[in-house]
């Protein structure tokens, strides 16, 4: 569907855009929030911003890249406002003393520690890490989505991994 059709902000056109991109955006946001409720709230805000700002979209750009930037910025702002809540969300009780944890519990604990650790990454490192690790994006795709060079994407990912390894070593995982 040509994006030009949406400059007049018709509801029908935006409904088509939502049907086309909603799942992809939900997946991206969900990689940051790990909460369906928060993901849906942020997604709704993203679509409102896109609706209000559609005239600012530059036609020579990729539309999903434009939406992606809105989604990432909105998500990061949300996380900054709710930082304490997310730190508590990531706290997984240490029940290892009373029983041998299941594999699923171990995976959940590691994921929680990675989420905590990723909050200590710089914004650009967290974005590259999530795109590469959870969204399975290539360095080329990451460079296009974030507007950076492929080498910058590789370097940023490397430093993000190093920081995460250091943090996880400190918590003995």
Protein backbone atom coordinates (compact mmCIF):
# COMPACT_ATOMS: atom_id res chain seq x y z
CA UNK A 1 0.00 0.00 0.00
CA UNK A 2 1.51 3.34 -0.96
CA UNK A 3 2.16 5.49 2.07
CA UNK A 4 1.12 8.55 0.06
CA UNK A 5 -2.48 7.40 0.48
CA UNK A 6 -2.18 8.01 4.22
CA UNK A 7 -1.12 11.64 4.20
CA UNK A 8 -4.78 12.66 4.36
CA UNK A 9 -5.13 10.67 7.65
CA UNK A 10 -8.08 8.57 6.57
CA UNK A 11 -9.09 5.98 9.13
CA UNK A 12 -9.29 3.26 6.48
CA UNK A 13 -5.70 3.87 5.44
CA UNK A 14 -4.42 3.81 9.00
CA UNK A 15 -6.32 0.64 9.68
CA UNK A 16 -4.39 -0.96 6.80
CA UNK A 17 -1.10 0.32 8.21
CA UNK A 18 -1.94 -1.07 11.63
CA UNK A 19 -2.85 -4.44 10.12
CA UNK A 20 0.43 -4.45 8.20
CA UNK A 21 2.86 -3.38 10.93
CA UNK A 22 1.20 -4.01 14.29
CA UNK A 23 2.65 -7.46 14.95
CA UNK A 24 6.18 -6.38 14.02
CA UNK A 25 5.98 -3.33 16.27
CA UNK A 26 4.52 -5.37 19.11
CA UNK A 27 7.44 -7.79 18.87
CA UNK A 28 9.98 -4.96 18.95
CA UNK A 29 8.37 -3.25 21.94
CA UNK A 30 7.87 -6.56 23.74
CA UNK A 31 11.61 -7.22 23.61
CA UNK A 32 12.07 -4.18 25.82
CA UNK A 33 9.09 -4.47 28.16
CA UNK A 34 8.47 -8.22 28.66
CA UNK A 35 4.89 -7.26 29.58
CA UNK A 36 1.86 -7.64 27.32
CA UNK A 37 -0.02 -4.89 29.13
CA UNK A 38 2.81 -2.36 28.82
CA UNK A 39 3.53 -3.41 25.25
CA UNK A 40 -0.08 -2.77 24.26
CA UNK A 41 -0.12 0.62 26.01
CA UNK A 42 3.09 1.70 24.31
CA UNK A 43 1.91 0.37 20.95
CA UNK A 44 -1.26 2.43 21.19
CA UNK A 45 0.82 5.53 21.93
CA UNK A 46 3.10 4.76 18.97
CA UNK A 47 0.13 4.59 16.60
CA UNK A 48 -1.25 7.86 17.96
CA UNK A 49 2.10 9.56 17.39
CA UNK A 50 2.36 8.12 13.90
CA UNK A 51 -1.16 9.28 13.08
CA UNK A 52 -0.44 12.80 14.29
CA UNK A 53 2.96 13.02 12.57
CA UNK A 54 2.37 11.19 9.26
CA UNK A 55 3.06 14.40 7.32
CA UNK A 56 6.61 14.47 8.73
CA UNK A 57 7.45 11.10 7.16
CA UNK A 58 10.05 11.52 4.42
CA UNK A 59 8.97 9.52 1.40
CA UNK A 60 12.51 8.51 0.49
CA UNK A 61 12.81 6.60 3.79
CA UNK A 62 11.49 3.17 4.68
CA UNK A 63 8.14 3.51 6.46
CA UNK A 64 8.81 0.73 8.95
CA UNK A 65 12.11 2.37 9.90
CA UNK A 66 10.21 5.57 10.68
CA UNK A 67 7.65 3.66 12.76
CA UNK A 68 10.43 1.70 14.44
CA UNK A 69 12.13 4.92 15.62
CA UNK A 70 8.85 6.16 17.06
CA UNK A 71 8.36 2.80 18.82
CA UNK A 72 11.88 2.68 20.26
CA UNK A 73 11.81 6.28 21.49
CA UNK A 74 8.35 5.84 23.03
CA UNK A 75 9.41 2.58 24.70
CA UNK A 76 12.61 4.03 26.11
CA UNK A 77 10.74 7.04 27.48
CA UNK A 78 8.24 4.67 29.10
CA UNK A 79 11.03 2.59 30.66
CA UNK A 80 12.75 5.69 32.01
CA UNK A 81 9.52 6.81 33.69
CA UNK A 82 8.94 3.32 35.12
CA UNK A 83 12.53 2.27 35.85
CA UNK A 84 11.89 1.22 39.46
CA UNK A 85 8.92 -0.95 38.43
CA UNK A 86 11.03 -2.72 35.83
CA UNK A 87 13.85 -3.39 38.24
CA UNK A 88 11.32 -5.02 40.58
CA UNK A 89 9.78 -6.96 37.68
CA UNK A 90 13.18 -8.45 36.91
CA UNK A 91 13.81 -9.59 40.48
CA UNK A 92 13.29 -13.32 40.55
CA UNK A 93 13.32 -14.90 44.01
CA UNK A 94 16.26 -17.15 44.79
CA UNK A 95 14.53 -20.41 45.71
CA UNK A 96 17.58 -22.58 44.97
CA UNK A 97 18.20 -23.33 48.65
CA UNK A 98 14.93 -25.21 49.09
CA UNK A 99 14.87 -27.31 45.92
CA UNK A 100 16.70 -28.03 42.70
CA UNK A 101 15.36 -25.54 40.15
CA UNK A 102 13.89 -26.79 36.93
CA UNK A 103 15.43 -25.94 33.60
CA UNK A 104 12.57 -23.53 32.92
CA UNK A 105 13.22 -21.73 36.19
CA UNK A 106 16.92 -21.46 35.36
CA UNK A 107 16.09 -20.00 31.95
CA UNK A 108 13.67 -17.55 33.57
CA UNK A 109 16.30 -16.52 36.11
CA UNK A 110 18.94 -15.98 33.43
CA UNK A 111 16.51 -14.01 31.29
CA UNK A 112 15.66 -11.83 34.30
CA UNK A 113 19.33 -11.17 34.93
CA UNK A 114 19.89 -10.32 31.26
CA UNK A 115 16.95 -7.89 31.39
CA UNK A 116 18.45 -6.26 34.49
CA UNK A 117 21.86 -6.14 32.88
CA UNK A 118 20.50 -4.66 29.65
CA UNK A 119 19.10 -1.73 31.66
CA UNK A 120 22.74 -0.80 32.41
CA UNK A 121 23.64 -0.62 28.73
CA UNK A 122 23.73 2.66 26.88
CA UNK A 123 20.61 3.30 24.79
CA UNK A 124 22.36 2.51 21.49
CA UNK A 125 23.94 -0.66 22.90
CA UNK A 126 20.59 -1.90 24.22
CA UNK A 127 18.90 -1.23 20.87
CA UNK A 128 21.57 -3.07 18.88
CA UNK A 129 21.67 -5.94 21.38
CA UNK A 130 17.91 -6.46 21.30
CA UNK A 131 17.71 -6.22 17.52
CA UNK A 132 20.54 -8.69 17.06
CA UNK A 133 19.81 -11.11 19.90
CA UNK A 134 16.03 -11.17 20.13
CA UNK A 135 14.85 -9.88 16.78
CA UNK A 136 17.52 -11.84 14.81
CA UNK A 137 18.41 -8.84 12.66
CA UNK A 138 21.52 -8.77 10.50
CA UNK A 139 24.07 -6.02 11.01
CA UNK A 140 22.96 -4.54 7.70
CA UNK A 141 19.34 -4.40 8.87
CA UNK A 142 20.39 -2.91 12.19
CA UNK A 143 22.43 -0.24 10.43
CA UNK A 144 19.45 0.70 8.26
CA UNK A 145 16.98 0.73 11.17
CA UNK A 146 19.19 2.83 13.42
CA UNK A 147 20.87 4.96 10.77
CA UNK A 148 24.41 3.83 11.65
CA UNK A 149 27.15 2.08 9.70
CA UNK A 150 27.43 -1.71 9.63
CA UNK A 151 30.81 -1.47 11.41
CA UNK A 152 29.26 0.73 14.08
CA UNK A 153 26.50 -1.85 14.58
CA UNK A 154 29.10 -4.63 14.96
CA UNK A 155 31.22 -2.62 17.38
CA UNK A 156 28.24 -1.54 19.45
CA UNK A 157 27.01 -5.14 19.68
CA UNK A 158 30.48 -6.31 20.75
CA UNK A 159 30.66 -3.73 23.55
CA UNK A 160 27.11 -4.52 24.64
CA UNK A 161 28.02 -8.21 24.94
CA UNK A 162 31.17 -7.38 26.89
CA UNK A 163 29.20 -5.24 29.35
CA UNK A 164 26.55 -7.94 29.74
CA UNK A 165 29.17 -10.64 30.31
CA UNK A 166 30.83 -8.51 32.97
CA UNK A 167 27.53 -7.82 34.72
CA UNK A 168 26.44 -11.47 34.57
CA UNK A 169 29.83 -12.60 35.90
CA UNK A 170 29.32 -10.29 38.87
CA UNK A 171 25.98 -11.95 39.67
CA UNK A 172 27.60 -15.37 39.10
CA UNK A 173 25.52 -16.59 36.15
